[in-house]
PDB file of all heavy atoms in Angstrom:
ATOM      1  N   ARG A   1     122.899  95.907 107.306  1.00  0.00           N
ATOM      2  CA  ARG A   1     124.080  96.079 106.512  1.00  0.00           C
ATOM      3  C   ARG A   1     123.758  96.867 105.186  1.00  0.00           C
ATOM      4  O   ARG A   1     124.630  97.296 104.512  1.00  0.00           O
ATOM      5  CB  ARG A   1     124.682  94.742 106.114  1.00  0.00           C
ATOM      6  CG  ARG A   1     125.074  93.908 107.347  1.00  0.00           C
ATOM      7  CD  ARG A   1     125.758  92.605 106.936  1.00  0.00           C
ATOM      8  NE  ARG A   1     127.094  92.883 106.519  1.00  0.00           N
ATOM      9  CZ  ARG A   1     127.974  91.920 106.175  1.00  0.00           C
ATOM     10  NH1 ARG A   1     127.587  90.645 106.258  1.00  0.00           N
ATOM     11  NH2 ARG A   1     129.175  92.169 105.753  1.00  0.00           N
ATOM     12  N   GLY A   2     122.450  96.999 104.889  1.00  0.00           N
ATOM     13  CA  GLY A   2     122.145  97.633 103.582  1.00  0.00           C
ATOM     14  C   GLY A   2     121.151  98.792 103.651  1.00  0.00           C
ATOM     15  O   GLY A   2     120.228  98.827 102.803  1.00  0.00           O
ATOM     16  N   PRO A   3     121.321  99.726 104.560  1.00  0.00           N
ATOM     17  CA  PRO A   3     120.331 100.824 104.602  1.00  0.00           C
ATOM     18  C   PRO A   3     120.305 101.707 103.347  1.00  0.00           C
ATOM     19  O   PRO A   3     119.320 102.337 103.035  1.00  0.00           O
ATOM     20  CB  PRO A   3     120.801 101.675 105.812  1.00  0.00           C
ATOM     21  CG  PRO A   3     122.221 101.339 106.004  1.00  0.00           C
ATOM     22  CD  PRO A   3     122.351  99.890 105.559  1.00  0.00           C
ATOM     23  N   ASN A   4     121.384 101.682 102.566  1.00  0.00           N
ATOM     24  CA  ASN A   4     121.516 102.504 101.348  1.00  0.00           C
ATOM     25  C   ASN A   4     121.035 101.795 100.099  1.00  0.00           C
ATOM     26  O   ASN A   4     121.127 102.297  99.019  1.00  0.00           O
ATOM     27  CB  ASN A   4     122.948 103.003 101.179  1.00  0.00           C
ATOM     28  CG  ASN A   4     123.430 103.812 102.316  1.00  0.00           C
ATOM     29  OD1 ASN A   4     122.692 104.566 102.881  1.00  0.00           O
ATOM     30  ND2 ASN A   4     124.732 103.702 102.626  1.00  0.00           N
ATOM     31  N   LYS A   5     120.514 100.577 100.282  1.00  0.00           N
ATOM     32  CA  LYS A   5     120.183  99.732  99.143  1.00  0.00           C
ATOM     33  C   LYS A   5     118.650  99.543  98.877  1.00  0.00           C
ATOM     34  O   LYS A   5     118.242  99.132  97.770  1.00  0.00           O
ATOM     35  CB  LYS A   5     120.747  98.304  99.348  1.00  0.00           C
ATOM     36  CG  LYS A   5     122.255  98.220  99.479  1.00  0.00           C
ATOM     37  CD  LYS A   5     122.917  98.399  98.097  1.00  0.00           C
ATOM     38  CE  LYS A   5     124.346  98.009  98.112  1.00  0.00           C
ATOM     39  NZ  LYS A   5     124.898  97.811  96.752  1.00  0.00           N
ATOM     40  N   PHE A   6     117.859  99.984  99.840  1.00  0.00           N
ATOM     41  CA  PHE A   6     116.369  99.695  99.772  1.00  0.00           C
ATOM     42  C   PHE A   6     115.669 100.991  99.484  1.00  0.00           C
ATOM     43  O   PHE A   6     115.870 101.991 100.177  1.00  0.00           O
ATOM     44  CB  PHE A   6     116.012  99.120 101.143  1.00  0.00           C
ATOM     45  CG  PHE A   6     114.634  98.559 101.242  1.00  0.00           C
ATOM     46  CD1 PHE A   6     114.060  97.816 100.229  1.00  0.00           C
ATOM     47  CD2 PHE A   6     113.911  98.715 102.441  1.00  0.00           C
ATOM     48  CE1 PHE A   6     112.817  97.263 100.395  1.00  0.00           C
ATOM     49  CE2 PHE A   6     112.673  98.170 102.590  1.00  0.00           C
ATOM     50  CZ  PHE A   6     112.096  97.452 101.549  1.00  0.00           C
ATOM     51  N   MET A   7     114.804 100.980  98.451  1.00  0.00           N
ATOM     52  CA  MET A   7     114.126 102.254  98.128  1.00  0.00           C
ATOM     53  C   MET A   7     112.688 102.012  97.673  1.00  0.00           C
ATOM     54  O   MET A   7     112.391 100.948  97.035  1.00  0.00           O
ATOM     55  CB  MET A   7     114.913 103.000  97.057  1.00  0.00           C
ATOM     56  CG  MET A   7     115.199 102.245  95.776  1.00  0.00           C
ATOM     57  SD  MET A   7     116.400 103.150  94.759  1.00  0.00           S
ATOM     58  CE  MET A   7     117.913 102.825  95.551  1.00  0.00           C
ATOM     59  N   TYR A   8     111.803 102.894  98.051  1.00  0.00           N
ATOM     60  CA  TYR A   8     110.406 102.742  97.879  1.00  0.00           C
ATOM     61  C   TYR A   8     109.951 102.797  96.453  1.00  0.00           C
ATOM     62  O   TYR A   8     110.444 103.653  95.615  1.00  0.00           O
ATOM     63  CB  TYR A   8     109.628 103.767  98.704  1.00  0.00           C
ATOM     64  CG  TYR A   8     108.140 103.915  98.274  1.00  0.00           C
ATOM     65  CD1 TYR A   8     107.276 102.899  98.525  1.00  0.00           C
ATOM     66  CD2 TYR A   8     107.734 105.073  97.682  1.00  0.00           C
ATOM     67  CE1 TYR A   8     105.970 103.027  98.163  1.00  0.00           C
ATOM     68  CE2 TYR A   8     106.387 105.219  97.329  1.00  0.00           C
ATOM     69  CZ  TYR A   8     105.550 104.216  97.556  1.00  0.00           C
ATOM     70  OH  TYR A   8     104.254 104.317  97.200  1.00  0.00           O
ATOM     71  N   ALA A   9     109.009 101.939  95.993  1.00  0.00           N
ATOM     72  CA  ALA A   9     108.357 102.018  94.692  1.00  0.00           C
ATOM     73  C   ALA A   9     106.924 101.553  94.933  1.00  0.00           C
ATOM     74  O   ALA A   9     106.654 100.495  95.479  1.00  0.00           O
ATOM     75  CB  ALA A   9     109.035 101.085  93.680  1.00  0.00           C
ATOM     76  N   GLY A  10     105.955 102.376  94.469  1.00  0.00           N
ATOM     77  CA  GLY A  10     104.582 102.103  94.817  1.00  0.00           C
ATOM     78  C   GLY A  10     103.788 101.201  93.901  1.00  0.00           C
ATOM     79  O   GLY A  10     102.939 100.431  94.451  1.00  0.00           O
ATOM     80  N   TYR A  11     103.868 101.322  92.636  1.00  0.00           N
ATOM     81  CA  TYR A  11     103.140 100.490  91.626  1.00  0.00           C
ATOM     82  C   TYR A  11     101.708 100.872  91.471  1.00  0.00           C
ATOM     83  O   TYR A  11     100.842 100.056  91.181  1.00  0.00           O
ATOM     84  CB  TYR A  11     103.268  99.023  92.079  1.00  0.00           C
ATOM     85  CG  TYR A  11     102.957  98.022  90.935  1.00  0.00           C
ATOM     86  CD1 TYR A  11     103.827  98.012  89.784  1.00  0.00           C
ATOM     87  CD2 TYR A  11     101.894  97.137  90.978  1.00  0.00           C
ATOM     88  CE1 TYR A  11     103.559  97.103  88.717  1.00  0.00           C
ATOM     89  CE2 TYR A  11     101.659  96.285  89.916  1.00  0.00           C
ATOM     90  CZ  TYR A  11     102.483  96.303  88.872  1.00  0.00           C
ATOM     91  OH  TYR A  11     102.235  95.412  87.778  1.00  0.00           O
ATOM     92  N   PHE A  12     101.370 102.143  91.691  1.00  0.00           N
ATOM     93  CA  PHE A  12     100.033 102.645  91.310  1.00  0.00           C
ATOM     94  C   PHE A  12      99.960 102.647  89.800  1.00  0.00           C
ATOM     95  O   PHE A  12     100.862 103.091  89.104  1.00  0.00           O
ATOM     96  CB  PHE A  12      99.819 104.083  91.904  1.00  0.00           C
ATOM     97  CG  PHE A  12      98.467 104.710  91.460  1.00  0.00           C
ATOM     98  CD1 PHE A  12      97.422 104.431  92.197  1.00  0.00           C
ATOM     99  CD2 PHE A  12      98.410 105.459  90.311  1.00  0.00           C
ATOM    100  CE1 PHE A  12      96.180 104.969  91.828  1.00  0.00           C
ATOM    101  CE2 PHE A  12      97.177 106.043  89.952  1.00  0.00           C
ATOM    102  CZ  PHE A  12      96.055 105.733  90.689  1.00  0.00           C
ATOM    103  N   PRO A  13      98.806 102.257  89.223  1.00  0.00           N
ATOM    104  CA  PRO A  13      97.516 101.908  89.795  1.00  0.00           C
ATOM    105  C   PRO A  13      97.321 100.408  90.126  1.00  0.00           C
ATOM    106  O   PRO A  13      96.204 100.020  90.490  1.00  0.00           O
ATOM    107  CB  PRO A  13      96.526 102.331  88.718  1.00  0.00           C
ATOM    108  CG  PRO A  13      97.260 102.013  87.427  1.00  0.00           C
ATOM    109  CD  PRO A  13      98.704 102.355  87.699  1.00  0.00           C
ATOM    110  N   GLY A  14      98.367  99.598  89.895  1.00  0.00           N
ATOM    111  CA  GLY A  14      98.289  98.238  90.353  1.00  0.00           C
ATOM    112  C   GLY A  14      97.900  98.056  91.814  1.00  0.00           C
ATOM    113  O   GLY A  14      97.081  97.215  92.189  1.00  0.00           O
ATOM    114  N   LEU A  15      98.487  98.906  92.628  1.00  0.00           N
ATOM    115  CA  LEU A  15      98.153  99.002  94.082  1.00  0.00           C
ATOM    116  C   LEU A  15      97.687 100.441  94.416  1.00  0.00           C
ATOM    117  O   LEU A  15      98.220 101.370  93.789  1.00  0.00           O
ATOM    118  CB  LEU A  15      99.358  98.625  94.903  1.00  0.00           C
ATOM    119  CG  LEU A  15      99.873  97.183  94.846  1.00  0.00           C
ATOM    120  CD1 LEU A  15     101.246  97.025  95.488  1.00  0.00           C
ATOM    121  CD2 LEU A  15      98.864  96.214  95.470  1.00  0.00           C
ATOM    122  N   SER A  16      96.824 100.582  95.245  1.00  0.00           N
ATOM    123  CA  SER A  16      96.315 101.895  95.660  1.00  0.00           C
ATOM    124  C   SER A  16      97.270 102.523  96.663  1.00  0.00           C
ATOM    125  O   SER A  16      97.858 101.844  97.498  1.00  0.00           O
ATOM    126  CB  SER A  16      94.917 101.821  96.243  1.00  0.00           C
ATOM    127  OG  SER A  16      94.912 101.240  97.505  1.00  0.00           O
ATOM    128  N   TYR A  17      97.372 103.865  96.649  1.00  0.00           N
ATOM    129  CA  TYR A  17      98.129 104.570  97.629  1.00  0.00           C
ATOM    130  C   TYR A  17      97.567 104.330  99.055  1.00  0.00           C
ATOM    131  O   TYR A  17      98.244 104.273 100.035  1.00  0.00           O
ATOM    132  CB  TYR A  17      98.196 106.042  97.299  1.00  0.00           C
ATOM    133  CG  TYR A  17      99.415 106.454  96.548  1.00  0.00           C
ATOM    134  CD1 TYR A  17     100.191 105.569  95.816  1.00  0.00           C
ATOM    135  CD2 TYR A  17      99.825 107.826  96.534  1.00  0.00           C
ATOM    136  CE1 TYR A  17     101.284 105.958  95.121  1.00  0.00           C
ATOM    137  CE2 TYR A  17     100.925 108.273  95.812  1.00  0.00           C
ATOM    138  CZ  TYR A  17     101.657 107.302  95.112  1.00  0.00           C
ATOM    139  OH  TYR A  17     102.790 107.731  94.396  1.00  0.00           O
ATOM    140  N   GLU A  18      96.200 104.276  99.093  1.00  0.00           N
ATOM    141  CA  GLU A  18      95.559 104.030 100.416  1.00  0.00           C
ATOM    142  C   GLU A  18      96.091 102.770 101.067  1.00  0.00           C
ATOM    143  O   GLU A  18      96.521 102.782 102.251  1.00  0.00           O
ATOM    144  CB  GLU A  18      94.058 103.941 100.269  1.00  0.00           C
ATOM    145  CG  GLU A  18      93.395 105.250  99.959  1.00  0.00           C
ATOM    146  CD  GLU A  18      93.396 105.522  98.465  1.00  0.00           C
ATOM    147  OE1 GLU A  18      93.943 104.720  97.641  1.00  0.00           O
ATOM    148  OE2 GLU A  18      92.854 106.638  98.060  1.00  0.00           O
ATOM    149  N   ARG A  19      96.152 101.708 100.284  1.00  0.00           N
ATOM    150  CA  ARG A  19      96.650 100.418 100.800  1.00  0.00           C
ATOM    151  C   ARG A  19      98.154 100.486 101.088  1.00  0.00           C
ATOM    152  O   ARG A  19      98.597 100.089 102.196  1.00  0.00           O
ATOM    153  CB  ARG A  19      96.384  99.267  99.860  1.00  0.00           C
ATOM    154  CG  ARG A  19      96.955  97.964 100.364  1.00  0.00           C
ATOM    155  CD  ARG A  19      96.694  96.821  99.454  1.00  0.00           C
ATOM    156  NE  ARG A  19      97.248  95.596 100.035  1.00  0.00           N
ATOM    157  CZ  ARG A  19      97.176  94.403  99.445  1.00  0.00           C
ATOM    158  NH1 ARG A  19      96.618  94.282  98.266  1.00  0.00           N
ATOM    159  NH2 ARG A  19      97.704  93.312 100.026  1.00  0.00           N
ATOM    160  N   ILE A  20      98.871 101.070 100.220  1.00  0.00           N
ATOM    161  CA  ILE A  20     100.385 101.098 100.354  1.00  0.00           C
ATOM    162  C   ILE A  20     100.749 101.825 101.648  1.00  0.00           C
ATOM    163  O   ILE A  20     101.529 101.305 102.437  1.00  0.00           O
ATOM    164  CB  ILE A  20     100.986 101.801  99.150  1.00  0.00           C
ATOM    165  CG1 ILE A  20     100.883 100.883  97.910  1.00  0.00           C
ATOM    166  CG2 ILE A  20     102.439 102.115  99.422  1.00  0.00           C
ATOM    167  CD1 ILE A  20     101.242 101.591  96.583  1.00  0.00           C
ATOM    168  N   PHE A  21     100.230 103.041 101.819  1.00  0.00           N
ATOM    169  CA  PHE A  21     100.697 103.839 102.962  1.00  0.00           C
ATOM    170  C   PHE A  21     100.049 103.380 104.238  1.00  0.00           C
ATOM    171  O   PHE A  21     100.706 103.622 105.365  1.00  0.00           O
ATOM    172  CB  PHE A  21     100.511 105.310 102.610  1.00  0.00           C
ATOM    173  CG  PHE A  21     101.501 105.866 101.631  1.00  0.00           C
ATOM    174  CD1 PHE A  21     101.160 105.996 100.295  1.00  0.00           C
ATOM    175  CD2 PHE A  21     102.714 106.242 102.045  1.00  0.00           C
ATOM    176  CE1 PHE A  21     102.080 106.478  99.395  1.00  0.00           C
ATOM    177  CE2 PHE A  21     103.688 106.697 101.130  1.00  0.00           C
ATOM    178  CZ  PHE A  21     103.359 106.815  99.829  1.00  0.00           C
ATOM    179  N   THR A  22      98.919 102.808 104.225  1.00  0.00           N
ATOM    180  CA  THR A  22      98.362 102.221 105.467  1.00  0.00           C
ATOM    181  C   THR A  22      99.218 101.083 105.962  1.00  0.00           C
ATOM    182  O   THR A  22      99.614 100.976 107.110  1.00  0.00           O
ATOM    183  CB  THR A  22      96.876 101.783 105.236  1.00  0.00           C
ATOM    184  OG1 THR A  22      96.104 102.900 104.892  1.00  0.00           O
ATOM    185  CG2 THR A  22      96.344 101.120 106.511  1.00  0.00           C
ATOM    186  N   GLU A  23      99.545 100.127 105.034  1.00  0.00           N
ATOM    187  CA  GLU A  23     100.358  98.975 105.387  1.00  0.00           C
ATOM    188  C   GLU A  23     101.809  99.387 105.735  1.00  0.00           C
ATOM    189  O   GLU A  23     102.470  98.713 106.564  1.00  0.00           O
ATOM    190  CB  GLU A  23     100.282  97.955 104.296  1.00  0.00           C
ATOM    191  CG  GLU A  23      98.926  97.254 104.090  1.00  0.00           C
ATOM    192  CD  GLU A  23      98.946  96.174 103.048  1.00  0.00           C
ATOM    193  OE1 GLU A  23     100.083  95.827 102.572  1.00  0.00           O
ATOM    194  OE2 GLU A  23      97.894  95.697 102.713  1.00  0.00           O
ATOM    195  N   MET A  24     102.299 100.439 105.107  1.00  0.00           N
ATOM    196  CA  MET A  24     103.696 100.778 105.279  1.00  0.00           C
ATOM    197  C   MET A  24     103.927 101.226 106.752  1.00  0.00           C
ATOM    198  O   MET A  24     105.003 101.100 107.243  1.00  0.00           O
ATOM    199  CB  MET A  24     104.035 101.949 104.381  1.00  0.00           C
ATOM    200  CG  MET A  24     105.548 102.217 104.272  1.00  0.00           C
ATOM    201  SD  MET A  24     105.958 103.680 103.261  1.00  0.00           S
ATOM    202  CE  MET A  24     105.464 103.123 101.661  1.00  0.00           C
ATOM    203  N   ASP A  25     102.860 101.730 107.443  1.00  0.00           N
ATOM    204  CA  ASP A  25     103.015 102.141 108.814  1.00  0.00           C
ATOM    205  C   ASP A  25     103.445 101.030 109.726  1.00  0.00           C
ATOM    206  O   ASP A  25     103.971 101.229 110.783  1.00  0.00           O
ATOM    207  CB  ASP A  25     101.685 102.765 109.350  1.00  0.00           C
ATOM    208  CG  ASP A  25     101.403 104.122 108.725  1.00  0.00           C
ATOM    209  OD1 ASP A  25     102.386 104.767 108.275  1.00  0.00           O
ATOM    210  OD2 ASP A  25     100.235 104.484 108.677  1.00  0.00           O
ATOM    211  N   ASP A  26     103.230  99.718 109.262  1.00  0.00           N
ATOM    212  CA  ASP A  26     103.590  98.603 110.116  1.00  0.00           C
ATOM    213  C   ASP A  26     104.987  97.993 109.782  1.00  0.00           C
ATOM    214  O   ASP A  26     105.378  97.022 110.325  1.00  0.00           O
ATOM    215  CB  ASP A  26     102.536  97.507 109.977  1.00  0.00           C
ATOM    216  CG  ASP A  26     101.219  97.935 110.534  1.00  0.00           C
ATOM    217  OD1 ASP A  26     101.195  98.705 111.527  1.00  0.00           O
ATOM    218  OD2 ASP A  26     100.120  97.587 109.956  1.00  0.00           O
ATOM    219  N   LEU A  27     105.697  98.645 108.863  1.00  0.00           N
ATOM    220  CA  LEU A  27     107.015  98.124 108.458  1.00  0.00           C
ATOM    221  C   LEU A  27     107.962  98.288 109.653  1.00  0.00           C
ATOM    222  O   LEU A  27     108.073  99.385 110.204  1.00  0.00           O
ATOM    223  CB  LEU A  27     107.570  98.812 107.237  1.00  0.00           C
ATOM    224  CG  LEU A  27     107.014  98.445 105.859  1.00  0.00           C
ATOM    225  CD1 LEU A  27     107.689  99.250 104.817  1.00  0.00           C
ATOM    226  CD2 LEU A  27     107.068  96.981 105.601  1.00  0.00           C
ATOM    227  N   PRO A  28     108.732  97.266 109.984  1.00  0.00           N
ATOM    228  CA  PRO A  28     109.657  97.337 111.136  1.00  0.00           C
ATOM    229  C   PRO A  28     110.989  97.990 110.727  1.00  0.00           C
ATOM    230  O   PRO A  28     112.092  97.355 110.982  1.00  0.00           O
ATOM    231  CB  PRO A  28     109.818  95.940 111.589  1.00  0.00           C
ATOM    232  CG  PRO A  28     109.652  95.100 110.401  1.00  0.00           C
ATOM    233  CD  PRO A  28     108.658  95.875 109.500  1.00  0.00           C
ATOM    234  N   LEU A  29     111.015  99.141 110.133  1.00  0.00           N
ATOM    235  CA  LEU A  29     112.235  99.792 109.690  1.00  0.00           C
ATOM    236  C   LEU A  29     112.745 100.621 110.869  1.00  0.00           C
ATOM    237  O   LEU A  29     112.026 101.251 111.629  1.00  0.00           O
ATOM    238  CB  LEU A  29     112.020 100.675 108.493  1.00  0.00           C
ATOM    239  CG  LEU A  29     111.759  99.997 107.195  1.00  0.00           C
ATOM    240  CD1 LEU A  29     111.425 101.032 106.075  1.00  0.00           C
ATOM    241  CD2 LEU A  29     112.874  99.144 106.758  1.00  0.00           C
ATOM    242  N   ARG A  30     114.116 100.695 110.992  1.00  0.00           N
ATOM    243  CA  ARG A  30     114.786 101.447 112.049  1.00  0.00           C
ATOM    244  C   ARG A  30     114.674 102.947 111.696  1.00  0.00           C
ATOM    245  O   ARG A  30     114.513 103.382 110.513  1.00  0.00           O
ATOM    246  CB  ARG A  30     116.177 101.015 112.208  1.00  0.00           C
ATOM    247  CG  ARG A  30     116.267  99.606 112.796  1.00  0.00           C
ATOM    248  CD  ARG A  30     117.744  99.190 112.999  1.00  0.00           C
ATOM    249  NE  ARG A  30     117.827  97.881 113.616  1.00  0.00           N
ATOM    250  CZ  ARG A  30     118.996  97.220 113.818  1.00  0.00           C
ATOM    251  NH1 ARG A  30     120.099  97.798 113.483  1.00  0.00           N
ATOM    252  NH2 ARG A  30     118.958  96.012 114.428  1.00  0.00           N
TER     253      ARG A  30
END
């Protein structure tokens, strides 16, 4: 019901881009 409500935010340098984008590959998004 909310595809227009969810948007990416990374939080570097609190989190590394390497971790973020590696884990993002497993998100079950349509």
